[in-house]
PDB file of all heavy atoms in Angstrom:
ATOM      1  N   GLN A   1     -24.498   4.224 -21.321  1.00  0.00           N
ATOM      2  CA  GLN A   1     -24.766   3.868 -19.930  1.00  0.00           C
ATOM      3  C   GLN A   1     -24.626   5.034 -18.962  1.00  0.00           C
ATOM      4  O   GLN A   1     -24.895   4.868 -17.777  1.00  0.00           O
ATOM      5  CB  GLN A   1     -23.834   2.724 -19.506  1.00  0.00           C
ATOM      6  CG  GLN A   1     -24.089   1.425 -20.262  1.00  0.00           C
ATOM      7  CD  GLN A   1     -23.102   0.339 -19.874  1.00  0.00           C
ATOM      8  OE1 GLN A   1     -22.111   0.092 -20.544  1.00  0.00           O
ATOM      9  NE2 GLN A   1     -23.383  -0.309 -18.759  1.00  0.00           N
ATOM     10  N   GLY A   2     -24.190   6.164 -19.451  1.00  0.00           N
ATOM     11  CA  GLY A   2     -24.067   7.318 -18.566  1.00  0.00           C
ATOM     12  C   GLY A   2     -22.924   7.221 -17.582  1.00  0.00           C
ATOM     13  O   GLY A   2     -22.968   7.852 -16.511  1.00  0.00           O
ATOM     14  N   LEU A   3     -21.888   6.461 -17.915  1.00  0.00           N
ATOM     15  CA  LEU A   3     -20.730   6.332 -17.034  1.00  0.00           C
ATOM     16  C   LEU A   3     -19.731   7.454 -17.320  1.00  0.00           C
ATOM     17  O   LEU A   3     -19.518   7.837 -18.470  1.00  0.00           O
ATOM     18  CB  LEU A   3     -20.049   4.978 -17.238  1.00  0.00           C
ATOM     19  CG  LEU A   3     -20.900   3.737 -16.957  1.00  0.00           C
ATOM     20  CD1 LEU A   3     -20.150   2.481 -17.369  1.00  0.00           C
ATOM     21  CD2 LEU A   3     -21.275   3.670 -15.485  1.00  0.00           C
ATOM     22  N   ASP A   4     -19.123   7.950 -16.281  1.00  0.00           N
ATOM     23  CA  ASP A   4     -18.100   8.981 -16.408  1.00  0.00           C
ATOM     24  C   ASP A   4     -16.747   8.284 -16.490  1.00  0.00           C
ATOM     25  O   ASP A   4     -16.175   7.896 -15.468  1.00  0.00           O
ATOM     26  CB  ASP A   4     -18.160   9.933 -15.215  1.00  0.00           C
ATOM     27  CG  ASP A   4     -17.139  11.053 -15.316  1.00  0.00           C
ATOM     28  OD1 ASP A   4     -16.539  11.219 -16.393  1.00  0.00           O
ATOM     29  OD2 ASP A   4     -16.934  11.760 -14.305  1.00  0.00           O
ATOM     30  N   VAL A   5     -16.254   8.083 -17.709  1.00  0.00           N
ATOM     31  CA  VAL A   5     -14.996   7.370 -17.918  1.00  0.00           C
ATOM     32  C   VAL A   5     -13.903   8.374 -18.230  1.00  0.00           C
ATOM     33  O   VAL A   5     -13.947   9.063 -19.248  1.00  0.00           O
ATOM     34  CB  VAL A   5     -15.122   6.346 -19.068  1.00  0.00           C
ATOM     35  CG1 VAL A   5     -13.815   5.564 -19.227  1.00  0.00           C
ATOM     36  CG2 VAL A   5     -16.284   5.390 -18.819  1.00  0.00           C
ATOM     37  N   GLN A   6     -12.927   8.468 -17.339  1.00  0.00           N
ATOM     38  CA  GLN A   6     -11.833   9.429 -17.456  1.00  0.00           C
ATOM     39  C   GLN A   6     -10.562   8.696 -17.888  1.00  0.00           C
ATOM     40  O   GLN A   6     -10.010   7.888 -17.132  1.00  0.00           O
ATOM     41  CB  GLN A   6     -11.604  10.139 -16.116  1.00  0.00           C
ATOM     42  CG  GLN A   6     -12.795  10.921 -15.607  1.00  0.00           C
ATOM     43  CD  GLN A   6     -13.042  12.178 -16.422  1.00  0.00           C
ATOM     44  OE1 GLN A   6     -12.104  12.787 -16.933  1.00  0.00           O
ATOM     45  NE2 GLN A   6     -14.308  12.551 -16.568  1.00  0.00           N
ATOM     46  N   LEU A   7     -10.103   8.948 -19.117  1.00  0.00           N
ATOM     47  CA  LEU A   7      -8.913   8.287 -19.648  1.00  0.00           C
ATOM     48  C   LEU A   7      -7.672   9.130 -19.412  1.00  0.00           C
ATOM     49  O   LEU A   7      -7.750  10.348 -19.241  1.00  0.00           O
ATOM     50  CB  LEU A   7      -9.092   8.028 -21.141  1.00  0.00           C
ATOM     51  CG  LEU A   7     -10.310   7.194 -21.547  1.00  0.00           C
ATOM     52  CD1 LEU A   7     -10.343   7.024 -23.066  1.00  0.00           C
ATOM     53  CD2 LEU A   7     -10.314   5.843 -20.852  1.00  0.00           C
ATOM     54  N   GLY A   8      -6.519   8.479 -19.421  1.00  0.00           N
ATOM     55  CA  GLY A   8      -5.262   9.188 -19.199  1.00  0.00           C
ATOM     56  C   GLY A   8      -5.145   9.778 -17.816  1.00  0.00           C
ATOM     57  O   GLY A   8      -4.453  10.781 -17.621  1.00  0.00           O
ATOM     58  N   CYS A   9      -5.791   9.158 -16.846  1.00  0.00           N
ATOM     59  CA  CYS A   9      -5.797   9.643 -15.456  1.00  0.00           C
ATOM     60  C   CYS A   9      -5.231   8.575 -14.531  1.00  0.00           C
ATOM     61  O   CYS A   9      -5.871   7.546 -14.293  1.00  0.00           O
ATOM     62  CB  CYS A   9      -7.213  10.015 -15.016  1.00  0.00           C
ATOM     63  SG  CYS A   9      -7.938  11.394 -15.919  1.00  0.00           S
ATOM     64  N   ARG A  10      -4.051   8.818 -14.025  1.00  0.00           N
ATOM     65  CA  ARG A  10      -3.393   7.860 -13.147  1.00  0.00           C
ATOM     66  C   ARG A  10      -3.648   8.229 -11.684  1.00  0.00           C
ATOM     67  O   ARG A  10      -3.232   9.301 -11.224  1.00  0.00           O
ATOM     68  CB  ARG A  10      -1.894   7.824 -13.416  1.00  0.00           C
ATOM     69  CG  ARG A  10      -1.120   6.850 -12.535  1.00  0.00           C
ATOM     70  CD  ARG A  10       0.354   6.849 -12.873  1.00  0.00           C
ATOM     71  NE  ARG A  10       1.095   5.955 -12.005  1.00  0.00           N
ATOM     72  CZ  ARG A  10       1.222   4.648 -12.198  1.00  0.00           C
ATOM     73  NH1 ARG A  10       0.634   4.080 -13.246  1.00  0.00           N
ATOM     74  NH2 ARG A  10       1.908   3.902 -11.356  1.00  0.00           N
ATOM     75  N   VAL A  11      -4.329   7.349 -10.966  1.00  0.00           N
ATOM     76  CA  VAL A  11      -4.574   7.560  -9.538  1.00  0.00           C
ATOM     77  C   VAL A  11      -3.311   7.171  -8.779  1.00  0.00           C
ATOM     78  O   VAL A  11      -2.841   6.035  -8.888  1.00  0.00           O
ATOM     79  CB  VAL A  11      -5.791   6.742  -9.059  1.00  0.00           C
ATOM     80  CG1 VAL A  11      -5.964   6.894  -7.549  1.00  0.00           C
ATOM     81  CG2 VAL A  11      -7.043   7.206  -9.789  1.00  0.00           C
ATOM     82  N   GLU A  12      -2.784   8.100  -8.013  1.00  0.00           N
ATOM     83  CA  GLU A  12      -1.498   7.889  -7.341  1.00  0.00           C
ATOM     84  C   GLU A  12      -1.606   7.871  -5.831  1.00  0.00           C
ATOM     85  O   GLU A  12      -0.637   7.527  -5.149  1.00  0.00           O
ATOM     86  CB  GLU A  12      -0.522   8.990  -7.774  1.00  0.00           C
ATOM     87  CG  GLU A  12      -0.248   8.964  -9.278  1.00  0.00           C
ATOM     88  CD  GLU A  12       0.477  10.195  -9.769  1.00  0.00           C
ATOM     89  OE1 GLU A  12       0.260  11.274  -9.157  1.00  0.00           O
ATOM     90  OE2 GLU A  12       1.238  10.096 -10.745  1.00  0.00           O
ATOM     91  N   GLY A  13      -2.761   8.263  -5.296  1.00  0.00           N
ATOM     92  CA  GLY A  13      -2.905   8.284  -3.849  1.00  0.00           C
ATOM     93  C   GLY A  13      -4.333   8.017  -3.415  1.00  0.00           C
ATOM     94  O   GLY A  13      -5.285   8.306  -4.146  1.00  0.00           O
ATOM     95  N   LEU A  14      -4.464   7.450  -2.246  1.00  0.00           N
ATOM     96  CA  LEU A  14      -5.768   7.108  -1.676  1.00  0.00           C
ATOM     97  C   LEU A  14      -5.729   7.433  -0.189  1.00  0.00           C
ATOM     98  O   LEU A  14      -4.817   6.998   0.523  1.00  0.00           O
ATOM     99  CB  LEU A  14      -6.063   5.616  -1.904  1.00  0.00           C
ATOM    100  CG  LEU A  14      -7.119   4.940  -1.019  1.00  0.00           C
ATOM    101  CD1 LEU A  14      -8.482   5.582  -1.221  1.00  0.00           C
ATOM    102  CD2 LEU A  14      -7.159   3.446  -1.310  1.00  0.00           C
ATOM    103  N   ASP A  15      -6.729   8.202   0.262  1.00  0.00           N
ATOM    104  CA  ASP A  15      -6.848   8.532   1.680  1.00  0.00           C
ATOM    105  C   ASP A  15      -8.170   7.981   2.196  1.00  0.00           C
ATOM    106  O   ASP A  15      -9.219   8.615   2.030  1.00  0.00           O
ATOM    107  CB  ASP A  15      -6.787  10.038   1.882  1.00  0.00           C
ATOM    108  CG  ASP A  15      -6.895  10.427   3.354  1.00  0.00           C
ATOM    109  OD1 ASP A  15      -6.751   9.525   4.223  1.00  0.00           O
ATOM    110  OD2 ASP A  15      -7.140  11.608   3.644  1.00  0.00           O
ATOM    111  N   PRO A  16      -8.161   6.797   2.806  1.00  0.00           N
ATOM    112  CA  PRO A  16      -9.414   6.210   3.285  1.00  0.00           C
ATOM    113  C   PRO A  16     -10.113   7.058   4.339  1.00  0.00           C
ATOM    114  O   PRO A  16     -11.349   7.017   4.432  1.00  0.00           O
ATOM    115  CB  PRO A  16      -8.962   4.864   3.868  1.00  0.00           C
ATOM    116  CG  PRO A  16      -7.669   4.550   3.189  1.00  0.00           C
ATOM    117  CD  PRO A  16      -7.016   5.880   2.991  1.00  0.00           C
ATOM    118  N   ALA A  17      -9.360   7.821   5.118  1.00  0.00           N
ATOM    119  CA  ALA A  17      -9.974   8.620   6.187  1.00  0.00           C
ATOM    120  C   ALA A  17     -10.901   9.692   5.617  1.00  0.00           C
ATOM    121  O   ALA A  17     -12.014   9.897   6.113  1.00  0.00           O
ATOM    122  CB  ALA A  17      -8.891   9.253   7.055  1.00  0.00           C
ATOM    123  N   SER A  18     -10.468  10.380   4.575  1.00  0.00           N
ATOM    124  CA  SER A  18     -11.295  11.422   3.966  1.00  0.00           C
ATOM    125  C   SER A  18     -12.071  10.920   2.754  1.00  0.00           C
ATOM    126  O   SER A  18     -12.811  11.676   2.141  1.00  0.00           O
ATOM    127  CB  SER A  18     -10.415  12.607   3.550  1.00  0.00           C
ATOM    128  OG  SER A  18      -9.505  12.229   2.529  1.00  0.00           O
ATOM    129  N   ARG A  19     -11.878   9.672   2.413  1.00  0.00           N
ATOM    130  CA  ARG A  19     -12.512   9.051   1.251  1.00  0.00           C
ATOM    131  C   ARG A  19     -12.242   9.863  -0.011  1.00  0.00           C
ATOM    132  O   ARG A  19     -13.144  10.313  -0.703  1.00  0.00           O
ATOM    133  CB  ARG A  19     -14.020   8.875   1.467  1.00  0.00           C
ATOM    134  CG  ARG A  19     -14.362   7.912   2.592  1.00  0.00           C
ATOM    135  CD  ARG A  19     -15.847   7.687   2.666  1.00  0.00           C
ATOM    136  NE  ARG A  19     -16.221   7.079   3.934  1.00  0.00           N
ATOM    137  CZ  ARG A  19     -17.466   6.965   4.366  1.00  0.00           C
ATOM    138  NH1 ARG A  19     -18.458   7.428   3.617  1.00  0.00           N
ATOM    139  NH2 ARG A  19     -17.735   6.404   5.523  1.00  0.00           N
ATOM    140  N   ARG A  20     -10.963  10.001  -0.308  1.00  0.00           N
ATOM    141  CA  ARG A  20     -10.544  10.730  -1.501  1.00  0.00           C
ATOM    142  C   ARG A  20      -9.459   9.950  -2.233  1.00  0.00           C
ATOM    143  O   ARG A  20      -8.657   9.252  -1.608  1.00  0.00           O
ATOM    144  CB  ARG A  20      -9.979  12.113  -1.128  1.00  0.00           C
ATOM    145  CG  ARG A  20     -10.981  13.118  -0.610  1.00  0.00           C
ATOM    146  CD  ARG A  20     -10.275  14.378  -0.152  1.00  0.00           C
ATOM    147  NE  ARG A  20     -11.216  15.367   0.360  1.00  0.00           N
ATOM    148  CZ  ARG A  20     -11.755  16.339  -0.367  1.00  0.00           C
ATOM    149  NH1 ARG A  20     -11.427  16.449  -1.646  1.00  0.00           N
ATOM    150  NH2 ARG A  20     -12.611  17.197   0.153  1.00  0.00           N
ATOM    151  N   ILE A  21      -9.464  10.111  -3.548  1.00  0.00           N
ATOM    152  CA  ILE A  21      -8.347   9.611  -4.358  1.00  0.00           C
ATOM    153  C   ILE A  21      -7.703  10.819  -5.030  1.00  0.00           C
ATOM    154  O   ILE A  21      -8.348  11.840  -5.257  1.00  0.00           O
ATOM    155  CB  ILE A  21      -8.804   8.559  -5.396  1.00  0.00           C
ATOM    156  CG1 ILE A  21      -9.950   9.081  -6.274  1.00  0.00           C
ATOM    157  CG2 ILE A  21      -9.229   7.274  -4.697  1.00  0.00           C
ATOM    158  CD1 ILE A  21      -9.521   9.604  -7.593  1.00  0.00           C
ATOM    159  N   PHE A  22      -6.394  10.700  -5.322  1.00  0.00           N
ATOM    160  CA  PHE A  22      -5.625  11.784  -5.916  1.00  0.00           C
ATOM    161  C   PHE A  22      -4.842  11.228  -7.100  1.00  0.00           C
ATOM    162  O   PHE A  22      -4.435  10.067  -7.100  1.00  0.00           O
ATOM    163  CB  PHE A  22      -4.630  12.372  -4.909  1.00  0.00           C
ATOM    164  CG  PHE A  22      -5.244  12.714  -3.587  1.00  0.00           C
ATOM    165  CD1 PHE A  22      -5.356  11.761  -2.576  1.00  0.00           C
ATOM    166  CD2 PHE A  22      -5.709  14.002  -3.347  1.00  0.00           C
ATOM    167  CE1 PHE A  22      -5.921  12.081  -1.353  1.00  0.00           C
ATOM    168  CE2 PHE A  22      -6.278  14.324  -2.114  1.00  0.00           C
ATOM    169  CZ  PHE A  22      -6.387  13.363  -1.119  1.00  0.00           C
ATOM    170  N   GLY A  23      -4.625  12.059  -8.106  1.00  0.00           N
ATOM    171  CA  GLY A  23      -3.879  11.576  -9.246  1.00  0.00           C
ATOM    172  C   GLY A  23      -3.405  12.674 -10.165  1.00  0.00           C
ATOM    173  O   GLY A  23      -3.568  13.866  -9.904  1.00  0.00           O
ATOM    174  N   THR A  24      -2.817  12.207 -11.293  1.00  0.00           N
ATOM    175  CA  THR A  24      -2.249  13.106 -12.292  1.00  0.00           C
ATOM    176  C   THR A  24      -2.652  12.627 -13.675  1.00  0.00           C
ATOM    177  O   THR A  24      -2.650  11.427 -13.944  1.00  0.00           O
ATOM    178  CB  THR A  24      -0.709  13.141 -12.187  1.00  0.00           C
ATOM    179  OG1 THR A  24      -0.327  13.456 -10.845  1.00  0.00           O
ATOM    180  CG2 THR A  24      -0.125  14.171 -13.136  1.00  0.00           C
ATOM    181  N   THR A  25      -2.980  13.563 -14.551  1.00  0.00           N
ATOM    182  CA  THR A  25      -3.308  13.223 -15.926  1.00  0.00           C
ATOM    183  C   THR A  25      -2.031  13.131 -16.759  1.00  0.00           C
ATOM    184  O   THR A  25      -0.953  13.557 -16.329  1.00  0.00           O
ATOM    185  CB  THR A  25      -4.240  14.262 -16.554  1.00  0.00           C
ATOM    186  OG1 THR A  25      -3.516  15.490 -16.744  1.00  0.00           O
ATOM    187  CG2 THR A  25      -5.453  14.522 -15.661  1.00  0.00           C
ATOM    188  N   THR A  26      -2.160  12.575 -17.960  1.00  0.00           N
ATOM    189  CA  THR A  26      -0.994  12.470 -18.843  1.00  0.00           C
ATOM    190  C   THR A  26      -0.487  13.849 -19.261  1.00  0.00           C
ATOM    191  O   THR A  26       0.656  13.991 -19.688  1.00  0.00           O
ATOM    192  CB  THR A  26      -1.351  11.657 -20.096  1.00  0.00           C
ATOM    193  OG1 THR A  26      -2.545  12.194 -20.692  1.00  0.00           O
ATOM    194  CG2 THR A  26      -1.572  10.200 -19.754  1.00  0.00           C
ATOM    195  N   GLU A  27      -1.336  14.887 -19.127  1.00  0.00           N
ATOM    196  CA  GLU A  27      -0.912  16.249 -19.440  1.00  0.00           C
ATOM    197  C   GLU A  27      -0.229  16.934 -18.251  1.00  0.00           C
ATOM    198  O   GLU A  27       0.175  18.099 -18.335  1.00  0.00           O
ATOM    199  CB  GLU A  27      -2.113  17.107 -19.870  1.00  0.00           C
ATOM    200  CG  GLU A  27      -2.688  16.748 -21.231  1.00  0.00           C
ATOM    201  CD  GLU A  27      -3.604  15.535 -21.159  1.00  0.00           C
ATOM    202  OE1 GLU A  27      -4.060  15.202 -20.031  1.00  0.00           O
ATOM    203  OE2 GLU A  27      -3.857  14.920 -22.206  1.00  0.00           O
ATOM    204  N   GLY A  28      -0.133  16.219 -17.126  1.00  0.00           N
ATOM    205  CA  GLY A  28       0.537  16.778 -15.964  1.00  0.00           C
ATOM    206  C   GLY A  28      -0.366  17.527 -15.005  1.00  0.00           C
ATOM    207  O   GLY A  28       0.108  18.127 -14.044  1.00  0.00           O
ATOM    208  N   LEU A  29      -1.684  17.496 -15.247  1.00  0.00           N
ATOM    209  CA  LEU A  29      -2.626  18.150 -14.352  1.00  0.00           C
ATOM    210  C   LEU A  29      -2.964  17.224 -13.186  1.00  0.00           C
ATOM    211  O   LEU A  29      -2.977  15.999 -13.332  1.00  0.00           O
ATOM    212  CB  LEU A  29      -3.901  18.522 -15.108  1.00  0.00           C
ATOM    213  CG  LEU A  29      -3.726  19.442 -16.326  1.00  0.00           C
ATOM    214  CD1 LEU A  29      -5.073  19.632 -17.025  1.00  0.00           C
ATOM    215  CD2 LEU A  29      -3.137  20.789 -15.907  1.00  0.00           C
ATOM    216  N   THR A  30      -3.237  17.803 -12.036  1.00  0.00           N
ATOM    217  CA  THR A  30      -3.613  17.005 -10.878  1.00  0.00           C
ATOM    218  C   THR A  30      -5.133  16.982 -10.735  1.00  0.00           C
ATOM    219  O   THR A  30      -5.828  17.885 -11.192  1.00  0.00           O
ATOM    220  CB  THR A  30      -2.988  17.568  -9.597  1.00  0.00           C
ATOM    221  OG1 THR A  30      -3.446  18.911  -9.397  1.00  0.00           O
ATOM    222  CG2 THR A  30      -1.469  17.550  -9.692  1.00  0.00           C
ATOM    223  N   PHE A  31      -5.623  15.932 -10.094  1.00  0.00           N
ATOM    224  CA  PHE A  31      -7.058  15.832  -9.832  1.00  0.00           C
ATOM    225  C   PHE A  31      -7.275  15.089  -8.522  1.00  0.00           C
ATOM    226  O   PHE A  31      -6.379  14.387  -8.030  1.00  0.00           O
ATOM    227  CB  PHE A  31      -7.780  15.105 -10.984  1.00  0.00           C
ATOM    228  CG  PHE A  31      -7.389  13.664 -11.146  1.00  0.00           C
ATOM    229  CD1 PHE A  31      -8.055  12.652 -10.458  1.00  0.00           C
ATOM    230  CD2 PHE A  31      -6.352  13.306 -12.000  1.00  0.00           C
ATOM    231  CE1 PHE A  31      -7.691  11.324 -10.602  1.00  0.00           C
ATOM    232  CE2 PHE A  31      -5.991  11.969 -12.161  1.00  0.00           C
ATOM    233  CZ  PHE A  31      -6.656  10.984 -11.462  1.00  0.00           C
ATOM    234  N   GLU A  32      -8.462  15.258  -7.954  1.00  0.00           N
ATOM    235  CA  GLU A  32      -8.867  14.478  -6.791  1.00  0.00           C
ATOM    236  C   GLU A  32     -10.372  14.268  -6.868  1.00  0.00           C
ATOM    237  O   GLU A  32     -11.086  14.982  -7.556  1.00  0.00           O
ATOM    238  CB  GLU A  32      -8.480  15.158  -5.487  1.00  0.00           C
ATOM    239  CG  GLU A  32      -9.184  16.479  -5.214  1.00  0.00           C
ATOM    240  CD  GLU A  32      -8.787  17.052  -3.861  1.00  0.00           C
ATOM    241  OE1 GLU A  32      -7.633  17.516  -3.718  1.00  0.00           O
ATOM    242  OE2 GLU A  32      -9.642  17.015  -2.957  1.00  0.00           O
TER     243      GLU A  32
END
């Protein structure tokens, strides 16, 4: 289906003003 499924990624923050989500992977890396 062409979906981008990211496993082991915990979303920990949401900023509706900037329309961004923030999180950390199980390896300790951050992402947004």
